[in-house]
Amino acid sequence: MPSAPQQPVFNSPLELLLKGGYLTQQDAGECQAAADRVAPPKRKLSGKLIPLGQFPDPIPEKDNPAALFCNGWLRKGGGAFLIAPSGVGKSVLTVQAAICWALGKPFFGICPVRPLKIVVIQAEDDREEVAEFRNSVRHGLTTDFDFDDYDIRIALGMEDPATARVFFYKAVGKVGDAFVEELDILLEMNPDVDLVIVNPFQSYFGGDCGRNAELSRFFRAQLDPVIKDADDLGRDRAGIMFIHHTNKPPNDRDLRAEWGNDEFAQYIGAGGAEIVNWARVILSLMPSGVPGVFRYICGKRWQRLDWVGLDGKPCKQKLIRHAENGCIFWRDATDDDAKAVEEVMRKPSHKASVNESPGDIMQYVSYVDSHPGLSENQYREKISVVLNVSSGTVRNRLLDAVRLGLLQADRVGQANAYSLTEAGKREVANVNF
């Protein structure tokens, strides 16, 4: 007996009516839209829940294609920032780091797990400057670090471009969405790239880096989908490191000496806190107080570096310096450099401590006594001229005097109104201003 003809299967009544010619495509679309308004389709997660126990054990770094630097300091899919003031040598440092890591060599204690393939996207230096940096760094690595010049030439593709592991690319006019799209194309055409270094961040961000909402959109909605594996299956494409400028330094010379060298060094970059929140790694390069010598600080994930201080304990910063042999490159600071930095740190700060004798604070207290009733801004303006100090220093001394019980501060509007306490009056009686 012949089998009955197979009936067509329709997924919905609308599809049946559409196939039967009872509805046009436009009618079906309008009917579906009306139905969705009454009973919206069920929403779905963009991913899936994964039991914690189903995460595979970490792959040894030597066998892990996602690993970039030792101890998991930075992996593919992760971002880093190197932050420094303008004009200290960030571009040279970028070239030197790229060459070292392309050779599988450490750069001042930051060790890659293997020779990396690196692309530097930069907007500040022309071809001749880049070539000058390359030649100087190459000379310095062979003279001061005992690198083999032949290995450097191979990694740079000087004999054969096919052996190159360091590349430069100038993404002219690419900012914001256009930059992210350009990066996506670059990684699609060069899937073996391990690390992209972008110098400087602000040239390609294309937004207001002081607005966290704009930073979040750039990092999390645009950049992350390009460098990360959305399915979290270990197929992240590349790591990225942005070179960035610091905030404007403090006007107060006392505060400037400590600027960027404390436990909040990761927040030294210009812009919102989302930079620190997004980045896996934050490095900074800050003046030490000794000309040519700088503090190289890892403010975030320093525990994963094998940096050791003079006391033999793990530390988050080390000293490096500009070369002094006529070439442009970075080298390790010497013991004499370290002693010079220690000497600078030993010098008494201009900033008074609440634990110190009143001393020069009485100059500020006496001025308030002699010129009562001025606003805080007027005191800062006039005392800074009389004592040849910054306005910020005046503010700090007045606050120190309050903490010492010599002045009283009453809040008036947005500023303090200062007057002498009884203790302050007694001290003024013994001081000639």
Protein backbone atom coordinates (compact mmCIF):
# COMPACT_ATOMS: atom_id res chain seq x y z
CA MET A 1 0.00 0.00 0.00
CA PRO A 2 1.53 3.26 -1.03
CA SER A 3 2.45 5.58 1.84
CA ALA A 4 0.49 8.77 2.27
CA PRO A 5 2.19 11.84 0.91
CA GLN A 6 4.18 13.66 3.59
CA GLN A 7 2.40 16.80 4.80
CA PRO A 8 4.40 20.02 4.93
CA VAL A 9 5.37 21.18 8.43
CA PHE A 10 4.61 24.77 9.38
CA ASN A 11 6.13 26.43 12.43
CA SER A 12 3.21 28.81 12.99
CA PRO A 13 -0.29 29.61 11.72
CA LEU A 14 1.12 32.73 10.10
CA GLU A 15 3.56 30.64 8.10
CA LEU A 16 0.65 28.40 6.98
CA LEU A 17 -1.40 31.39 5.85
CA LEU A 18 1.63 32.94 4.14
CA LYS A 19 2.48 29.76 2.25
CA GLY A 20 -1.18 29.31 1.26
CA GLY A 21 -1.30 32.75 -0.25
CA TYR A 22 -3.86 34.08 2.20
CA LEU A 23 -1.43 36.73 3.54
CA THR A 24 1.21 38.84 1.94
CA GLN A 25 4.68 39.10 3.49
CA GLN A 26 3.81 42.60 4.73
CA ASP A 27 0.54 41.37 6.29
CA ALA A 28 2.38 38.54 8.03
CA GLY A 29 4.97 40.95 9.39
CA GLU A 30 2.30 43.27 10.78
CA CYS A 31 0.45 40.36 12.37
CA GLN A 32 3.65 39.10 14.00
CA ALA A 33 4.48 42.58 15.32
CA ALA A 34 0.99 42.87 16.83
CA ALA A 35 1.35 39.44 18.44
CA ASP A 36 4.75 40.35 19.88
CA ARG A 37 3.28 43.41 21.55
CA VAL A 38 0.66 41.28 23.28
CA ALA A 39 2.99 38.37 24.10
CA PRO A 40 6.66 39.36 23.66
CA PRO A 41 9.00 36.55 22.61
CA LYS A 42 10.95 34.94 25.44
CA ARG A 43 14.30 36.62 26.05
CA LYS A 44 17.53 34.63 25.91
CA LEU A 45 20.91 35.07 27.55
CA SER A 46 23.75 35.93 25.19
CA GLY A 47 25.82 33.12 26.72
CA LYS A 48 25.36 30.12 28.97
CA LEU A 49 25.95 29.34 32.62
CA ILE A 50 29.08 27.27 33.27
CA PRO A 51 29.47 25.27 36.49
CA LEU A 52 32.59 26.37 38.32
CA GLY A 53 33.83 22.79 38.44
CA GLN A 54 33.74 22.59 34.63
CA PHE A 55 36.45 25.19 34.15
CA PRO A 56 39.53 23.32 32.91
CA ASP A 57 42.72 23.44 34.94
CA PRO A 58 45.21 26.10 33.82
CA ILE A 59 47.39 25.07 30.91
CA PRO A 60 51.14 25.33 31.61
CA GLU A 61 52.29 28.66 30.23
CA LYS A 62 54.84 27.13 27.87
CA ASP A 63 52.01 25.22 26.17
CA ASN A 64 49.31 27.88 26.48
CA PRO A 65 48.80 29.97 23.31
CA ALA A 66 46.88 32.58 25.34
CA ALA A 67 49.80 33.18 27.72
CA LEU A 68 51.91 36.24 27.00
CA PHE A 69 53.90 36.99 30.17
CA CYS A 70 55.10 34.82 33.03
CA ASN A 71 52.88 34.16 36.05
CA GLY A 72 49.79 35.26 34.15
CA TRP A 73 50.79 38.92 34.38
CA LEU A 74 49.02 39.60 31.07
CA ARG A 75 47.30 37.18 28.71
CA LYS A 76 45.59 37.49 25.36
CA GLY A 77 42.26 39.22 25.77
CA GLY A 78 43.67 41.44 28.50
CA GLY A 79 44.55 45.11 28.45
CA ALA A 80 47.37 47.11 30.03
CA PHE A 81 48.32 50.75 30.41
CA LEU A 82 51.77 52.33 30.62
CA ILE A 83 51.39 55.84 32.02
CA ALA A 84 54.08 58.53 32.12
CA PRO A 85 54.49 62.32 31.89
CA SER A 86 55.09 63.92 28.53
CA GLY A 87 58.64 63.93 27.18
CA VAL A 88 60.23 61.28 29.43
CA GLY A 89 60.87 58.77 26.63
CA LYS A 90 57.73 56.65 26.34
CA SER A 91 58.22 56.06 22.62
CA VAL A 92 61.78 54.81 23.08
CA LEU A 93 60.67 52.64 25.96
CA THR A 94 57.95 51.19 23.71
CA VAL A 95 60.47 50.29 21.00
CA GLN A 96 62.88 48.76 23.51
CA ALA A 97 60.16 46.71 25.22
CA ALA A 98 58.82 45.45 21.87
CA ILE A 99 62.27 44.30 20.72
CA CYS A 100 63.01 42.56 24.03
CA TRP A 101 59.67 40.75 24.13
CA ALA A 102 59.92 39.80 20.44
CA LEU A 103 63.19 38.05 21.31
CA GLY A 104 61.59 36.32 24.29
CA LYS A 105 63.76 38.40 26.64
CA PRO A 106 62.68 40.26 29.79
CA PHE A 107 62.27 44.00 29.72
CA PHE A 108 63.38 45.20 33.16
CA GLY A 109 61.99 42.10 34.83
CA ILE A 110 58.79 41.74 32.77
CA CYS A 111 59.27 38.35 31.14
CA PRO A 112 57.36 36.99 28.13
CA VAL A 113 56.64 33.27 28.05
CA ARG A 114 58.00 33.02 24.50
CA PRO A 115 59.10 35.33 21.66
CA LEU A 116 56.05 37.46 20.94
CA LYS A 117 54.81 38.89 17.67
CA ILE A 118 54.06 42.57 18.32
CA VAL A 119 52.39 45.37 16.38
CA VAL A 120 52.94 48.96 17.51
CA ILE A 121 50.23 51.39 16.40
CA GLN A 122 51.54 54.89 16.94
CA ALA A 123 50.66 58.43 16.00
CA GLU A 124 53.41 60.63 17.43
CA ASP A 125 56.71 59.76 15.72
CA ASP A 126 57.62 59.91 12.03
CA ARG A 127 59.58 57.24 10.17
CA GLU A 128 62.95 58.87 10.76
CA GLU A 129 62.37 59.18 14.51
CA VAL A 130 61.26 55.56 14.74
CA ALA A 131 64.35 54.47 12.80
CA GLU A 132 66.54 56.53 15.12
CA PHE A 133 64.95 54.93 18.18
CA ARG A 134 65.39 51.47 16.63
CA ASN A 135 69.08 52.01 15.92
CA SER A 136 69.83 53.48 19.34
CA VAL A 137 67.96 50.73 21.17
CA ARG A 138 69.64 48.09 19.07
CA HIS A 139 73.04 49.53 19.98
CA GLY A 140 72.14 49.74 23.66
CA LEU A 141 70.84 46.18 23.84
CA THR A 142 74.08 44.82 22.40
CA THR A 143 76.44 46.98 24.51
CA ASP A 144 74.62 47.11 27.85
CA PHE A 145 72.48 43.97 27.82
CA ASP A 146 74.67 41.55 25.83
CA PHE A 147 72.01 40.84 23.20
CA ASP A 148 73.17 39.22 19.99
CA ASP A 149 72.92 41.77 17.17
CA TYR A 150 72.14 39.03 14.64
CA ASP A 151 69.12 37.95 16.71
CA ILE A 152 67.90 41.54 16.83
CA ARG A 153 68.24 41.93 13.06
CA ILE A 154 66.24 38.73 12.52
CA ALA A 155 63.46 39.83 14.92
CA LEU A 156 63.24 43.19 13.17
CA GLY A 157 63.15 41.66 9.69
CA MET A 158 66.21 43.61 8.58
CA GLU A 159 67.51 40.79 6.36
CA ASP A 160 64.22 39.15 5.49
CA PRO A 161 60.80 40.70 6.27
CA ALA A 162 59.41 37.19 6.72
CA THR A 163 61.35 36.79 9.99
CA ALA A 164 60.06 40.04 11.52
CA ARG A 165 58.35 39.93 14.90
CA VAL A 166 58.02 43.68 15.49
CA PHE A 167 55.81 45.75 13.19
CA PHE A 168 54.73 49.39 13.15
CA TYR A 169 51.43 50.61 11.79
CA LYS A 170 50.11 54.15 11.53
CA ALA A 171 46.32 54.14 11.73
CA VAL A 172 45.88 57.69 10.43
CA GLY A 173 42.49 59.24 11.13
CA LYS A 174 41.18 56.16 12.93
CA VAL A 175 39.53 57.08 16.22
CA GLY A 176 36.78 55.51 18.31
CA ASP A 177 34.66 53.09 16.28
CA ALA A 178 36.93 53.41 13.24
CA PHE A 179 40.00 52.51 15.28
CA VAL A 180 38.35 49.43 16.78
CA GLU A 181 37.25 48.32 13.31
CA GLU A 182 40.79 48.84 12.00
CA LEU A 183 42.16 46.76 14.88
CA ASP A 184 39.61 44.02 14.13
CA ILE A 185 40.74 43.90 10.50
CA LEU A 186 44.41 43.91 11.54
CA LEU A 187 43.92 40.89 13.82
CA GLU A 188 41.77 39.12 11.23
CA MET A 189 44.50 39.50 8.61
CA ASN A 190 47.30 38.70 11.10
CA PRO A 191 45.91 36.10 13.53
CA ASP A 192 49.39 35.27 14.86
CA VAL A 193 49.83 38.71 16.46
CA ASP A 194 50.24 38.33 20.23
CA LEU A 195 50.36 41.89 21.50
CA VAL A 196 49.29 45.28 20.14
CA ILE A 197 50.88 48.40 21.65
CA VAL A 198 48.95 51.63 21.02
CA ASN A 199 50.80 54.94 21.45
CA PRO A 200 49.18 57.15 22.65
CA PHE A 201 45.75 56.11 23.90
CA GLN A 202 44.12 59.50 23.48
CA SER A 203 44.98 59.69 19.76
CA TYR A 204 42.78 56.67 19.04
CA PHE A 205 40.14 56.77 21.79
CA GLY A 206 38.42 59.76 20.26
CA GLY A 207 36.38 60.67 23.32
CA ASP A 208 36.63 62.50 26.63
CA CYS A 209 38.79 60.25 28.80
CA GLY A 210 37.44 62.02 31.88
CA ARG A 211 33.99 60.52 31.26
CA ASN A 212 33.70 56.96 32.57
CA ALA A 213 30.61 56.30 30.43
CA GLU A 214 32.59 57.00 27.25
CA LEU A 215 35.51 54.90 28.48
CA SER A 216 33.18 51.99 29.31
CA ARG A 217 31.62 52.10 25.87
CA PHE A 218 35.03 52.08 24.20
CA PHE A 219 36.62 49.37 26.35
CA ARG A 220 33.72 47.04 27.10
CA ALA A 221 31.26 47.48 24.24
CA GLN A 222 33.70 48.05 21.37
CA LEU A 223 37.22 46.83 22.19
CA ASP A 224 36.53 43.75 24.32
CA PRO A 225 34.49 41.97 21.60
CA VAL A 226 37.47 42.41 19.25
CA ILE A 227 40.25 41.08 21.51
CA LYS A 228 38.30 38.59 23.66
CA ASP A 229 36.63 35.27 22.90
CA ALA A 230 32.95 35.87 23.62
CA ASP A 231 32.39 32.16 24.30
CA ASP A 232 35.27 32.07 26.81
CA LEU A 233 36.75 28.96 25.22
CA GLY A 234 40.36 30.12 25.30
CA ARG A 235 40.36 31.67 21.85
CA ASP A 236 41.19 35.25 22.85
CA ARG A 237 42.88 37.02 19.95
CA ALA A 238 45.56 39.33 21.40
CA GLY A 239 46.62 41.45 24.34
CA ILE A 240 46.68 45.22 24.07
CA MET A 241 48.82 47.83 25.84
CA PHE A 242 47.99 51.52 25.69
CA ILE A 243 50.61 54.22 26.26
CA HIS A 244 49.01 57.11 28.09
CA HIS A 245 49.84 60.48 29.60
CA THR A 246 49.59 61.34 33.27
CA ASN A 247 47.32 63.88 34.80
CA LYS A 248 48.70 67.39 35.10
CA PRO A 249 51.18 67.41 38.01
CA PRO A 250 50.21 69.16 41.25
CA ASN A 251 51.12 72.83 41.55
CA ASP A 252 52.43 72.26 45.05
CA ARG A 253 56.11 71.34 44.72
CA ASP A 254 55.91 69.33 47.95
CA LEU A 255 53.08 67.19 46.63
CA ARG A 256 54.81 66.91 43.25
CA ALA A 257 57.78 65.10 44.85
CA GLU A 258 55.44 62.31 45.95
CA TRP A 259 53.29 62.40 42.82
CA GLY A 260 52.64 58.95 41.39
CA ASN A 261 55.05 57.15 43.72
CA ASP A 262 52.64 55.94 46.38
CA GLU A 263 50.10 53.14 46.72
CA PHE A 264 47.74 55.00 44.38
CA ALA A 265 50.19 55.06 41.46
CA GLN A 266 47.73 53.19 39.22
CA TYR A 267 45.43 56.23 39.30
CA ILE A 268 48.05 58.63 37.92
CA GLY A 269 46.77 58.47 34.33
CA ALA A 270 44.65 61.25 32.88
CA GLY A 271 41.00 60.27 32.83
CA GLY A 272 38.35 58.39 34.73
CA ALA A 273 38.70 55.43 37.07
CA GLU A 274 37.31 53.12 34.38
CA ILE A 275 40.82 53.01 32.89
CA VAL A 276 42.07 51.31 36.05
CA ASN A 277 38.95 49.16 36.40
CA TRP A 278 39.20 47.79 32.85
CA ALA A 279 42.96 47.30 32.60
CA ARG A 280 44.47 44.10 33.93
CA VAL A 281 47.86 45.77 34.32
CA ILE A 282 48.88 49.35 35.14
CA LEU A 283 52.50 50.46 34.73
CA SER A 284 53.78 53.97 35.33
CA LEU A 285 57.06 55.73 34.73
CA MET A 286 57.61 58.60 37.16
CA PRO A 287 60.47 61.01 37.95
CA SER A 288 62.55 60.08 40.97
CA GLY A 289 63.89 63.51 41.80
CA VAL A 290 67.28 62.66 40.26
CA PRO A 291 67.73 63.87 36.66
CA GLY A 292 67.52 60.99 34.17
CA VAL A 293 66.46 58.43 36.78
CA PHE A 294 62.86 57.20 36.92
CA ARG A 295 60.69 54.95 39.03
CA TYR A 296 59.23 52.12 36.96
CA ILE A 297 56.11 51.20 38.92
CA CYS A 298 53.65 48.34 38.53
CA GLY A 299 50.59 49.67 40.34
CA LYS A 300 48.34 46.73 39.43
CA ARG A 301 49.31 43.02 39.40
CA TRP A 302 52.82 43.74 40.69
CA GLN A 303 52.58 40.59 42.80
CA ARG A 304 52.89 38.56 39.58
CA LEU A 305 56.26 40.08 38.76
CA ASP A 306 59.48 38.80 40.30
CA TRP A 307 60.64 42.27 41.29
CA VAL A 308 62.70 42.28 44.47
CA GLY A 309 63.79 45.33 46.45
CA LEU A 310 67.11 46.00 48.17
CA ASP A 311 65.70 44.35 51.30
CA GLY A 312 65.14 41.11 49.37
CA LYS A 313 61.34 41.41 49.57
CA PRO A 314 58.91 41.61 46.64
CA CYS A 315 58.31 45.19 45.53
CA LYS A 316 56.19 47.11 43.06
CA GLN A 317 58.81 49.46 41.61
CA LYS A 318 62.37 49.59 40.36
CA LEU A 319 64.72 52.31 39.18
CA ILE A 320 65.67 52.68 35.52
CA ARG A 321 67.41 55.53 33.77
CA HIS A 322 68.24 57.17 30.45
CA ALA A 323 71.48 56.03 28.89
CA GLU A 324 74.37 58.49 29.09
CA ASN A 325 76.59 57.28 26.25
CA GLY A 326 75.07 59.38 23.50
CA CYS A 327 72.48 56.77 22.52
CA ILE A 328 68.76 56.93 23.24
CA PHE A 329 67.70 53.90 25.26
CA TRP A 330 66.82 52.81 28.77
CA ARG A 331 69.12 50.92 31.11
CA ASP A 332 69.18 49.78 34.72
CA ALA A 333 69.93 52.39 37.35
CA THR A 334 73.27 52.00 39.12
CA ASP A 335 73.95 51.74 42.84
CA ASP A 336 75.05 55.38 42.73
CA ASP A 337 71.70 56.29 41.15
CA ALA A 338 69.86 54.44 43.91
CA LYS A 339 71.90 56.26 46.57
CA ALA A 340 71.17 59.60 44.93
CA VAL A 341 67.43 58.83 44.97
CA GLU A 342 67.64 57.80 48.63
CA GLU A 343 69.39 61.07 49.40
CA VAL A 344 66.61 63.02 47.71
CA MET A 345 64.06 61.11 49.75
CA ARG A 346 65.94 61.85 52.98
CA LYS A 347 65.80 65.59 52.45
CA PRO A 348 63.20 67.13 54.75
CA SER A 349 59.95 67.90 53.00
CA HIS A 350 58.73 71.45 52.79
CA LYS A 351 55.42 70.11 54.04
CA ALA A 352 54.95 70.46 57.77
CA SER A 353 53.90 67.51 59.85
CA VAL A 354 51.39 67.71 62.66
CA ASN A 355 53.92 65.86 64.80
CA GLU A 356 56.57 68.56 64.34
CA SER A 357 57.16 71.70 66.37
CA PRO A 358 55.17 74.62 64.92
CA GLY A 359 58.35 76.21 63.50
CA ASP A 360 57.69 77.97 60.21
CA ILE A 361 53.96 77.36 60.53
CA MET A 362 53.96 80.37 62.83
CA GLN A 363 54.68 82.57 59.83
CA TYR A 364 51.28 81.58 58.46
CA VAL A 365 49.55 81.87 61.84
CA SER A 366 51.09 85.30 62.43
CA TYR A 367 49.92 86.51 59.05
CA VAL A 368 46.36 85.47 59.86
CA ASP A 369 46.68 87.29 63.20
CA SER A 370 47.94 90.46 61.47
CA HIS A 371 45.35 90.31 58.66
CA PRO A 372 42.13 89.00 60.21
CA GLY A 373 38.93 88.50 58.28
CA LEU A 374 40.38 87.65 54.85
CA SER A 375 38.93 84.84 52.75
CA GLU A 376 40.85 81.61 52.30
CA ASN A 377 41.66 82.51 48.71
CA GLN A 378 42.97 85.91 49.79
CA TYR A 379 45.23 84.31 52.40
CA ARG A 380 46.53 81.84 49.81
CA GLU A 381 47.17 84.61 47.29
CA LYS A 382 48.83 87.09 49.66
CA ILE A 383 50.89 84.68 51.79
CA SER A 384 52.22 82.92 48.68
CA VAL A 385 53.65 86.27 47.53
CA VAL A 386 55.08 87.21 50.93
CA LEU A 387 56.74 83.83 51.57
CA ASN A 388 57.44 82.92 47.92
CA VAL A 389 55.60 79.61 48.11
CA SER A 390 52.80 78.10 46.06
CA SER A 391 49.16 78.67 46.84
CA GLY A 392 48.80 74.95 47.51
CA THR A 393 51.58 75.11 50.09
CA VAL A 394 49.77 77.95 51.90
CA ARG A 395 46.61 75.89 52.01
CA ASN A 396 48.48 72.87 53.45
CA ARG A 397 50.24 75.00 56.11
CA LEU A 398 46.97 76.57 57.21
CA LEU A 399 45.41 73.12 57.55
CA ASP A 400 48.48 71.92 59.47
CA ALA A 401 48.05 74.87 61.82
CA VAL A 402 44.44 73.81 62.38
CA ARG A 403 45.54 70.27 63.22
CA LEU A 404 48.13 71.67 65.63
CA GLY A 405 45.45 73.65 67.40
CA LEU A 406 46.85 77.06 66.41
CA LEU A 407 44.07 78.07 64.04
CA GLN A 408 40.37 77.45 63.94
CA ALA A 409 38.69 76.80 60.58
CA ASP A 410 35.02 77.59 60.17
CA ARG A 411 33.31 76.58 56.96
CA VAL A 412 31.87 79.59 55.13
CA GLY A 413 30.34 78.73 51.77
CA GLN A 414 32.86 76.66 49.79
CA ALA A 415 35.96 77.73 51.74
CA ASN A 416 37.40 77.98 55.26
CA ALA A 417 37.47 81.13 57.38
CA TYR A 418 40.52 81.09 59.67
CA SER A 419 40.94 82.64 63.12
CA LEU A 420 43.44 82.13 65.93
CA THR A 421 42.77 79.84 68.85
CA GLU A 422 43.89 80.74 72.36
CA ALA A 423 46.93 78.48 71.87
CA GLY A 424 47.69 80.27 68.61
CA LYS A 425 47.51 83.67 70.28
CA ARG A 426 49.95 82.54 72.98
CA GLU A 427 52.40 81.28 70.35
CA VAL A 428 52.14 84.46 68.28
CA ALA A 429 53.08 86.49 71.33
CA ASN A 430 56.48 84.78 71.26
CA VAL A 431 57.11 85.20 67.54
CA ASN A 432 58.22 88.21 65.55
CA PHE A 433 56.81 87.98 62.03
